[in-house]
Each structure stands twice: as structure tokens, then as C-alpha cells.
Amino acid sequence: MYKVQTLNKIAKIGLDVFDDKYTYGNEVENPDGIILRSFNMLEMELPESLLAIARAGAGVNNIPLDKCSEKGIVVFNTPGANANAVKELVIASLFLASRKVVQGIAWAKTLIGEGENVSKLVEKGKSSFAGPEIQGKTLGIIGLGAIGVRVANAAHALGMNVIGYDPYLSVDAAWKVTRAAEHANDIDTLLAKSDYISIHVPATKDTTGMFNQDLFRKVKKGVRILNFSRAELVDVDSVLKALEDGTVAEYITDFATEELLKSDRVIVMPHLGASTPESEDNCAVMAAKELKDFLENGNITNSVNFPNCDMGKVSGTRVTIAHKNIPSMLSQISAVFTNDNINIENMVNKSRGDYAYTMIDTHSSIDSKLLDELRAVDGVIKVSLYN
């Protein structure tokens, strides 16, 4: 029986992925796996039984990745599962950034009580909320992942010129993005050409605060910026200064701070990017399937701290080893099997940064002695048996 702890409310369609071999719920103790959405695990004591964590969403800044990696706990996310939901909100925000729709609606509400004068007042005041059309304008997209590609294609369909920048553009993403999009070789080219900029990169040590005073000096005057990726990417003081001097005409973000809420040139949304029933269902199903495949077969798909590694369903006996990515690991692991006179039928090894993952299939029976010998190898973090 596998035990899965749910740290948030998870869509039923996702939990239905778990069959009668599973018990799940918020009160589950000593879980094999955890599935969550936004629950903050950073200060949480990780159970010794824990093998994997599945985040029903893309961001994993609420999960202690370093601690998990050190313990051999595989962390999954669900890239692309909420991409359409975020894309639709970004496209809506292009119009909101241009046409002052939000400001106009708020002003119209102030006319309550004017009775028959409302129509005249509206005609007199509407010029204050005029704004440009997006057709023919240039949208710069920083980050061409699952969301960025969809935004690019949708914006092109609306008549915009699209320029994208992503130094890590994958082959899959390149195939999916419209051929009409221009690929910028450097971010400065994108900044100089863009009337609108939409940010779609993860928050890392390299990207945190990337939209700062130095970057704002390079943008096209009057640019409109959309941030539906991560709050940390845009330095709040810098963007407020850029709004004050007209460098930036409008800033729309899904991440609220009190300083941003005070500005009349900022539209702040309450983190609505993935808040659709379709997105929540997609994320829940994807996270549950990733967790189930790992617990039952040891396969890793969409991990953020260990390499993807897949050998299909277990057909005999399988041993998986999470270990440091250091020299001679494979020879030491293989030697343990050789010394115990066990034939390795199939083996896959993948690495990611400082960590690696090895899967071994055999038709021989594996006893606790061999598993203990593997655990004793210097650099091995966690050993699991599947049969």
C-alpha cells in the first residue's frame, strides 16, 4: 500500500489517478509521496519515509529543493499543465495595458448617483482613458517555454509583431512557436524593439531582479510590461521609478505588493494566472501520474532536482539509486551486483548538475544485503527496490 499526503486541496480528477493500492489525504502519516499546490514546505520537517514530492503547478519555490536533493527526494512539477490559463490572462492583459479598461470601469462607478447626467459625463470623461490598439505593435517575449510559446502564437494571430529571446530555447519549443516570430540573439535587441514585454522565465539567482534600473535604461520609451511569471524578476523600486519618469507606461503583474497597489499605472491581479478549473484539473492529473509512476516504477518525468529517467514498467526486479554525480559511481554500483553474482539485464544512468540517478533491471532476486551494500557506496544517497 502506497501512502500519499495531500498538503492542499487537490482536484478529485487528480486523486482518482490513485487506485486501490493507495491511501491518501491530509492526515496521512509517514507518506511515501506528497502532492501539493502552494503549501509552504520550506520549514516543514521532511518525513524519513518520503520518496517524492509532486507540485501541481510549475513553480517550486515553496519546496526546499536543496534539502530534498541531499536526501534523495525527487521533486516533480507540472510544466505546461497551466500554460493555456496563463496565456489567456496575458493576452487579456495586453488589452488592459493599452486601453485603460480597468481605470475606466473604476471611474464609471464613481458616477453612481448622477442620474440622467451619467451619459453626458461619460462622453465628456472618456478621453481620459484612450489608449493604443495592439495590432501592428511589437511584443517582446522573454522566455519561450510552454507559456511563452503560446503567448507568441496568440499575439501573432492578433496582428502583433513578435520577437522572442530565450538562450535556452529547446527544440520542441522552437518547433511550436510561429515562424513569423523574430528570434533575438540578445536581450538588448528585444528591449529596444518592443512596445510590450511579457516575462516568462523562472526565478533563479541569475534572473532575480533582472528588471532593474540598468535594464530599464535600454527599453523603448513608453513600453508596457507584463509579469505573470514570478514577482522576484522585477525590482519594485526600479519599475516604480520607471513608471514615474515615463520610461514604462504601464505595468501589469499577478504578484501584489503594497507599493505596487498604490500606483495608478500598475494593474495588480491576485495571482490569477492558473486559477481556472481546467488548469487545476490538468495540474492535479499530471502531478498524480508523475508521482504514481515514480512510486510504482521508479521512473522520473519532469523532475526539477533529478534527471528525467524512464525504463517503463517493472517486469522483474528493479533497483534505483539516487547518488552524487561524481566519478566511478557506475563502476562501484556495478561491482556490487557482480560481487553478489547478479546479472544486470538493463541499466540507465542520467545526471543533472551535482546529482545522478541510476536504474537497474534484473530477473534475479534482490535481498537486503545487496541493498545495504549499495547504500554503503560513498556518494549514494538513496536506494529503492521495485518488484
Protein backbone atom coordinates (compact mmCIF):
# COMPACT_ATOMS: atom_id res chain seq x y z
CA MET A 1 0.00 0.00 0.00
CA TYR A 2 1.39 3.39 -1.03
CA LYS A 3 0.73 6.41 1.18
CA VAL A 4 0.34 9.90 -0.27
CA GLN A 5 -0.10 13.03 1.82
CA THR A 6 -2.05 15.94 0.32
CA LEU A 7 -0.93 19.31 1.68
CA ASN A 8 -3.54 21.28 -0.29
CA LYS A 9 -6.94 20.58 -1.72
CA ILE A 10 -6.22 18.59 -4.88
CA ALA A 11 -8.77 18.27 -7.68
CA LYS A 12 -10.70 14.99 -7.46
CA ILE A 13 -9.83 14.09 -11.04
CA GLY A 14 -6.19 14.06 -9.99
CA LEU A 15 -6.73 11.98 -6.87
CA ASP A 16 -8.71 9.49 -8.97
CA VAL A 17 -5.39 8.57 -10.63
CA PHE A 18 -4.53 6.72 -7.42
CA ASP A 19 -6.11 3.26 -7.39
CA ASP A 20 -6.87 0.89 -4.52
CA LYS A 21 -3.15 0.39 -3.86
CA TYR A 22 -3.08 3.91 -2.44
CA THR A 23 -4.24 5.69 0.65
CA TYR A 24 -4.17 9.47 0.52
CA GLY A 25 -5.25 12.51 2.48
CA ASN A 26 -4.06 15.41 4.58
CA GLU A 27 -3.74 13.32 7.74
CA VAL A 28 -1.60 10.54 6.21
CA GLU A 29 1.47 9.84 8.33
CA ASN A 30 4.87 8.58 7.14
CA PRO A 31 4.00 9.19 3.48
CA ASP A 32 5.85 7.73 0.50
CA GLY A 33 4.84 10.77 -1.53
CA ILE A 34 3.44 14.26 -1.10
CA ILE A 35 1.25 16.13 -3.57
CA LEU A 36 0.63 19.84 -3.08
CA ARG A 37 -0.06 23.17 -4.72
CA SER A 38 1.03 26.30 -2.83
CA PHE A 39 1.57 24.90 0.68
CA ASN A 40 4.83 26.26 2.14
CA MET A 41 7.13 23.31 2.89
CA LEU A 42 10.24 25.38 3.49
CA GLU A 43 10.17 24.98 7.27
CA MET A 44 8.48 21.58 7.28
CA GLU A 45 10.25 18.56 8.75
CA LEU A 46 10.58 16.06 5.91
CA PRO A 47 9.46 12.54 6.91
CA GLU A 48 12.13 9.84 6.70
CA SER A 49 9.69 7.76 4.64
CA LEU A 50 9.35 10.42 1.95
CA LEU A 51 10.50 9.42 -1.54
CA ALA A 52 8.98 12.10 -3.78
CA ILE A 53 7.05 15.37 -3.88
CA ALA A 54 4.75 16.37 -6.74
CA ARG A 55 3.85 20.04 -7.15
CA ALA A 56 0.57 20.57 -9.03
CA GLY A 57 1.92 23.65 -10.79
CA ALA A 58 5.15 24.93 -12.33
CA GLY A 59 6.75 26.94 -9.51
CA VAL A 60 8.58 25.09 -6.74
CA ASN A 61 9.81 27.99 -4.60
CA ASN A 62 7.61 26.65 -1.77
CA ILE A 63 9.62 23.41 -1.65
CA PRO A 64 13.09 23.05 -0.04
CA LEU A 65 14.87 21.76 -3.15
CA ASP A 66 18.39 21.64 -1.71
CA LYS A 67 17.25 19.67 1.32
CA CYS A 68 15.26 17.29 -0.89
CA SER A 69 18.20 16.70 -3.20
CA GLU A 70 20.51 15.95 -0.28
CA LYS A 71 18.02 13.35 0.97
CA GLY A 72 17.40 11.84 -2.48
CA ILE A 73 13.78 13.04 -2.54
CA VAL A 74 12.66 13.57 -6.12
CA VAL A 75 10.64 16.75 -6.72
CA PHE A 76 8.25 16.95 -9.67
CA ASN A 77 6.37 19.86 -11.19
CA THR A 78 3.83 20.09 -14.00
CA PRO A 79 5.25 22.26 -16.79
CA GLY A 80 2.68 23.24 -19.37
CA ALA A 81 -0.35 21.99 -17.46
CA ASN A 82 -1.48 25.54 -16.69
CA ALA A 83 0.05 27.14 -19.79
CA ASN A 84 -3.20 27.89 -21.57
CA ALA A 85 -4.75 29.50 -18.49
CA VAL A 86 -1.78 31.84 -18.06
CA LYS A 87 -1.65 32.57 -21.78
CA GLU A 88 -5.27 33.70 -21.83
CA LEU A 89 -4.69 36.08 -18.91
CA VAL A 90 -1.57 37.51 -20.55
CA ILE A 91 -3.47 38.17 -23.77
CA ALA A 92 -6.27 39.85 -21.81
CA SER A 93 -3.66 41.96 -20.07
CA LEU A 94 -2.27 43.25 -23.36
CA PHE A 95 -5.60 44.98 -23.86
CA LEU A 96 -5.79 46.11 -20.25
CA ALA A 97 -2.32 47.64 -20.53
CA SER A 98 -3.35 49.62 -23.62
CA ARG A 99 -6.94 50.69 -23.31
CA LYS A 100 -7.16 51.68 -19.63
CA VAL A 101 -10.18 49.42 -19.26
CA VAL A 102 -9.70 48.83 -15.54
CA GLN A 103 -9.26 52.54 -14.81
CA GLY A 104 -12.25 53.41 -16.97
CA ILE A 105 -14.53 50.95 -15.20
CA ALA A 106 -13.42 52.26 -11.80
CA TRP A 107 -14.12 55.85 -12.91
CA ALA A 108 -17.53 54.94 -14.35
CA LYS A 109 -18.53 53.55 -10.95
CA THR A 110 -17.95 57.00 -9.43
CA LEU A 111 -20.84 58.31 -11.50
CA ILE A 112 -23.39 56.39 -9.45
CA GLY A 113 -25.91 58.93 -8.17
CA GLU A 114 -25.62 61.28 -11.18
CA GLY A 115 -28.88 60.01 -12.64
CA GLU A 116 -29.71 61.42 -16.08
CA ASN A 117 -26.30 63.15 -16.28
CA VAL A 118 -24.39 59.85 -16.48
CA SER A 119 -24.41 59.63 -20.30
CA LYS A 120 -23.18 63.21 -20.73
CA LEU A 121 -20.49 62.76 -18.09
CA VAL A 122 -19.30 59.56 -19.74
CA GLU A 123 -18.93 61.26 -23.12
CA LYS A 124 -17.07 64.14 -21.52
CA GLY A 125 -14.72 61.97 -19.47
CA LYS A 126 -13.95 59.07 -21.80
CA SER A 127 -10.97 60.80 -23.46
CA SER A 128 -9.00 60.32 -20.25
CA PHE A 129 -8.99 56.58 -20.87
CA ALA A 130 -7.94 56.46 -24.51
CA GLY A 131 -5.17 54.07 -25.45
CA PRO A 132 -3.50 52.44 -28.46
CA GLU A 133 -4.51 49.28 -30.30
CA ILE A 134 -2.17 46.30 -30.09
CA GLN A 135 -2.40 45.38 -33.79
CA GLY A 136 0.85 46.23 -35.56
CA LYS A 137 2.74 46.74 -32.30
CA THR A 138 5.72 44.64 -31.24
CA LEU A 139 5.52 42.20 -28.34
CA GLY A 140 8.80 41.04 -26.85
CA ILE A 141 8.63 37.72 -25.05
CA ILE A 142 11.42 36.83 -22.66
CA GLY A 143 11.35 33.06 -22.20
CA LEU A 144 9.92 30.72 -24.82
CA GLY A 145 8.79 27.82 -22.72
CA ALA A 146 5.31 26.29 -22.60
CA ILE A 147 3.63 29.62 -21.79
CA GLY A 148 5.86 31.95 -23.79
CA VAL A 149 5.33 29.99 -27.00
CA ARG A 150 1.55 30.07 -26.59
CA VAL A 151 1.61 33.82 -25.92
CA ALA A 152 3.76 34.34 -29.02
CA ASN A 153 1.40 32.41 -31.26
CA ALA A 154 -1.74 34.06 -29.86
CA ALA A 155 -0.24 37.56 -30.14
CA HIS A 156 0.78 36.91 -33.74
CA ALA A 157 -2.78 35.77 -34.52
CA LEU A 158 -4.00 39.12 -33.15
CA GLY A 159 -1.81 41.01 -35.63
CA MET A 160 1.18 41.78 -33.42
CA ASN A 161 4.81 41.53 -34.41
CA VAL A 162 6.55 39.09 -32.09
CA ILE A 163 10.18 38.98 -31.04
CA GLY A 164 11.40 36.36 -28.61
CA TYR A 165 14.52 35.89 -26.53
CA ASP A 166 15.48 32.64 -24.84
CA PRO A 167 19.11 31.49 -24.67
CA TYR A 168 17.90 28.05 -23.59
CA LEU A 169 15.27 27.58 -26.30
CA SER A 170 14.50 23.87 -26.66
CA VAL A 171 14.00 22.09 -29.97
CA ASP A 172 10.39 21.25 -29.01
CA ALA A 173 9.61 24.90 -28.25
CA ALA A 174 11.28 26.03 -31.47
CA TRP A 175 9.00 23.74 -33.48
CA LYS A 176 5.88 25.09 -31.77
CA VAL A 177 6.49 28.85 -31.99
CA THR A 178 5.13 30.71 -35.01
CA ARG A 179 7.64 31.02 -37.87
CA ALA A 180 6.71 34.70 -38.11
CA ALA A 181 8.37 35.37 -34.73
CA GLU A 182 11.77 37.03 -34.76
CA HIS A 183 14.41 35.37 -32.57
CA ALA A 184 16.58 37.90 -30.77
CA ASN A 185 20.16 36.81 -30.15
CA ASP A 186 20.44 39.07 -27.12
CA ILE A 187 18.02 40.69 -24.71
CA ASP A 188 19.10 44.24 -25.62
CA THR A 189 17.75 43.79 -29.15
CA LEU A 190 14.37 42.76 -27.77
CA LEU A 191 14.26 45.65 -25.30
CA ALA A 192 14.98 48.24 -27.99
CA LYS A 193 12.25 47.00 -30.35
CA SER A 194 9.38 46.07 -28.04
CA ASP A 195 6.25 48.15 -27.39
CA TYR A 196 5.13 45.46 -24.93
CA ILE A 197 7.23 42.96 -22.98
CA SER A 198 5.90 39.76 -21.42
CA ILE A 199 8.15 37.89 -18.99
CA HIS A 200 8.12 34.08 -18.88
CA VAL A 201 11.28 32.88 -17.15
CA PRO A 202 11.75 31.11 -13.79
CA ALA A 203 13.12 32.94 -10.76
CA THR A 204 16.74 31.86 -10.32
CA LYS A 205 19.84 33.51 -8.92
CA ASP A 206 20.55 34.76 -12.46
CA THR A 207 17.07 36.12 -13.22
CA THR A 208 16.00 37.53 -9.84
CA GLY A 209 15.84 41.31 -10.14
CA MET A 210 16.69 41.21 -13.84
CA PHE A 211 14.26 44.09 -14.50
CA ASN A 212 16.23 46.76 -12.67
CA GLN A 213 17.38 50.31 -13.33
CA ASP A 214 20.12 49.18 -15.71
CA LEU A 215 17.67 47.19 -17.83
CA PHE A 216 15.05 49.96 -17.87
CA ARG A 217 17.64 52.29 -19.43
CA LYS A 218 17.62 50.02 -22.50
CA VAL A 219 13.86 49.72 -23.11
CA LYS A 220 11.81 51.56 -25.70
CA LYS A 221 10.27 54.70 -24.17
CA GLY A 222 6.68 54.07 -23.06
CA VAL A 223 6.94 50.28 -23.04
CA ARG A 224 4.21 48.28 -21.32
CA ILE A 225 5.44 45.37 -19.20
CA LEU A 226 3.56 42.22 -18.18
CA ASN A 227 4.87 39.92 -15.45
CA PHE A 228 2.90 36.72 -14.95
CA SER A 229 5.97 34.64 -14.17
CA ARG A 230 7.47 35.47 -10.75
CA ALA A 231 7.42 38.55 -8.54
CA GLU A 232 11.17 38.40 -7.91
CA LEU A 233 12.02 39.05 -11.56
CA VAL A 234 11.07 42.74 -11.38
CA ASP A 235 12.66 45.07 -8.84
CA VAL A 236 9.71 47.02 -7.42
CA ASP A 237 11.57 50.27 -6.71
CA SER A 238 13.07 50.28 -10.20
CA VAL A 239 9.78 49.74 -12.01
CA LEU A 240 8.01 52.38 -9.92
CA LYS A 241 10.74 54.88 -10.80
CA ALA A 242 10.46 53.91 -14.49
CA LEU A 243 6.69 54.46 -14.31
CA GLU A 244 7.14 57.88 -12.72
CA ASP A 245 9.50 59.18 -15.41
CA GLY A 246 7.53 57.68 -18.30
CA THR A 247 10.05 55.02 -19.26
CA VAL A 248 7.33 52.45 -18.61
CA ALA A 249 3.74 53.38 -19.49
CA GLU A 250 2.01 50.54 -17.66
CA TYR A 251 2.97 47.57 -15.52
CA ILE A 252 0.64 44.60 -15.09
CA THR A 253 1.51 41.81 -12.71
CA ASP A 254 -0.02 38.82 -10.98
CA PHE A 255 2.02 39.46 -7.81
CA ALA A 256 0.85 42.05 -5.32
CA THR A 257 2.83 44.31 -3.04
CA GLU A 258 1.52 47.33 -1.19
CA GLU A 259 3.88 49.63 -3.10
CA LEU A 260 2.54 48.42 -6.44
CA LEU A 261 -1.08 48.71 -5.30
CA LYS A 262 -0.52 52.41 -4.60
CA SER A 263 0.47 53.23 -8.18
CA ASP A 264 -2.23 54.25 -10.65
CA ARG A 265 -0.07 52.97 -13.51
CA VAL A 266 0.07 49.44 -12.16
CA ILE A 267 -2.65 46.83 -12.51
CA VAL A 268 -2.19 44.15 -9.87
CA MET A 269 -4.03 40.84 -10.04
CA PRO A 270 -4.34 38.43 -7.09
CA HIS A 271 -2.25 35.63 -8.62
CA LEU A 272 -4.97 34.55 -11.07
CA GLY A 273 -2.69 33.03 -13.73
CA ALA A 274 -3.61 29.40 -13.15
CA SER A 275 -6.94 29.99 -11.42
CA THR A 276 -9.18 28.09 -13.79
CA PRO A 277 -10.87 24.75 -13.12
CA GLU A 278 -9.29 23.35 -16.29
CA SER A 279 -5.79 24.33 -15.15
CA GLU A 280 -6.26 22.93 -11.65
CA ASP A 281 -7.53 19.66 -13.11
CA ASN A 282 -4.65 19.41 -15.60
CA CYS A 283 -2.03 20.11 -12.92
CA ALA A 284 -3.56 17.63 -10.46
CA VAL A 285 -3.73 14.81 -13.02
CA MET A 286 -0.21 15.42 -14.27
CA ALA A 287 1.28 15.60 -10.76
CA ALA A 288 -0.53 12.44 -9.65
CA LYS A 289 0.62 10.49 -12.71
CA GLU A 290 4.24 11.56 -12.19
CA LEU A 291 4.13 10.56 -8.54
CA LYS A 292 2.38 7.24 -9.24
CA ASP A 293 4.86 6.24 -11.96
CA PHE A 294 7.78 7.01 -9.66
CA LEU A 295 6.38 5.14 -6.66
CA GLU A 296 5.48 2.09 -8.72
CA ASN A 297 8.26 2.00 -11.32
CA GLY A 298 10.97 4.44 -10.22
CA ASN A 299 10.59 6.46 -13.42
CA ILE A 300 11.31 10.19 -13.28
CA THR A 301 9.46 12.65 -15.54
CA ASN A 302 9.51 16.43 -15.07
CA SER A 303 11.72 16.49 -12.01
CA VAL A 304 13.30 19.80 -11.04
CA ASN A 305 16.18 18.34 -9.00
CA PHE A 306 16.98 14.94 -10.55
CA PRO A 307 17.34 13.94 -14.22
CA ASN A 308 14.48 12.51 -16.22
CA CYS A 309 14.94 8.74 -16.40
CA ASP A 310 12.47 6.15 -17.70
CA MET A 311 12.66 2.39 -18.16
CA GLY A 312 8.95 1.69 -18.48
CA LYS A 313 7.02 -0.60 -16.18
CA VAL A 314 8.78 -3.03 -13.86
CA SER A 315 8.75 -6.53 -15.36
CA GLY A 316 11.10 -8.28 -12.95
CA THR A 317 13.13 -6.64 -10.23
CA ARG A 318 14.31 -3.05 -10.39
CA VAL A 319 16.75 -1.16 -8.20
CA THR A 320 17.06 2.62 -8.38
CA ILE A 321 19.91 4.61 -6.90
CA ALA A 322 19.96 8.36 -6.33
CA HIS A 323 23.57 9.43 -5.98
CA LYS A 324 26.11 12.20 -6.36
CA ASN A 325 27.31 12.93 -9.88
CA ILE A 326 30.95 12.01 -9.24
CA PRO A 327 33.49 9.76 -10.99
CA SER A 328 33.47 5.95 -10.65
CA MET A 329 29.90 5.71 -9.32
CA LEU A 330 28.72 3.36 -12.07
CA SER A 331 31.70 1.05 -11.68
CA GLN A 332 31.16 0.85 -7.92
CA ILE A 333 27.44 0.21 -8.29
CA SER A 334 28.02 -2.46 -10.95
CA ALA A 335 30.66 -4.11 -8.78
CA VAL A 336 28.11 -4.64 -6.01
CA PHE A 337 25.90 -6.63 -8.39
CA THR A 338 28.88 -8.53 -9.82
CA ASN A 339 30.20 -9.48 -6.39
CA ASP A 340 26.76 -10.84 -5.46
CA ASN A 341 26.66 -12.83 -8.74
CA ILE A 342 23.62 -10.92 -10.03
CA ASN A 343 23.30 -10.27 -13.76
CA ILE A 344 22.29 -6.76 -14.80
CA GLU A 345 19.72 -7.10 -17.60
CA ASN A 346 19.35 -3.39 -18.31
CA MET A 347 20.79 -0.21 -16.85
CA VAL A 348 20.17 3.50 -17.41
CA ASN A 349 22.14 6.33 -15.84
CA LYS A 350 21.36 10.03 -16.14
CA SER A 351 22.84 13.07 -14.44
CA ARG A 352 21.74 16.60 -13.67
CA GLY A 353 24.16 19.02 -12.10
CA ASP A 354 25.51 17.61 -8.86
CA TYR A 355 23.13 14.65 -8.80
CA ALA A 356 22.54 11.50 -10.83
CA TYR A 357 20.07 8.63 -10.99
CA THR A 358 20.69 5.02 -11.97
CA MET A 359 18.06 2.38 -12.76
CA ILE A 360 18.95 -1.32 -12.93
CA ASP A 361 16.68 -4.18 -14.05
CA THR A 362 17.41 -7.80 -13.28
CA HIS A 363 15.49 -11.07 -13.18
CA SER A 364 17.39 -12.20 -10.10
CA SER A 365 16.01 -11.78 -6.61
CA ILE A 366 17.49 -8.96 -4.57
CA ASP A 367 18.00 -9.29 -0.83
CA SER A 368 18.51 -6.65 1.84
CA LYS A 369 22.25 -7.43 1.94
CA LEU A 370 22.79 -6.12 -1.60
CA LEU A 371 20.70 -3.02 -0.90
CA ASP A 372 22.78 -2.29 2.20
CA GLU A 373 25.98 -2.74 0.17
CA LEU A 374 24.73 -0.21 -2.34
CA ARG A 375 23.84 2.25 0.42
CA ALA A 376 27.38 1.88 1.77
CA VAL A 377 28.94 3.12 -1.51
CA ASP A 378 30.36 6.60 -0.99
CA GLY A 379 28.17 9.08 -2.86
CA VAL A 380 24.98 7.00 -2.80
CA ILE A 381 22.06 8.94 -1.30
CA LYS A 382 19.02 6.68 -1.57
CA VAL A 383 18.36 3.13 -2.79
CA SER A 384 14.90 1.78 -3.65
CA LEU A 385 13.65 -1.67 -4.67
CA TYR A 386 10.75 -2.32 -7.08
CA ASN A 387 9.30 -5.73 -7.92
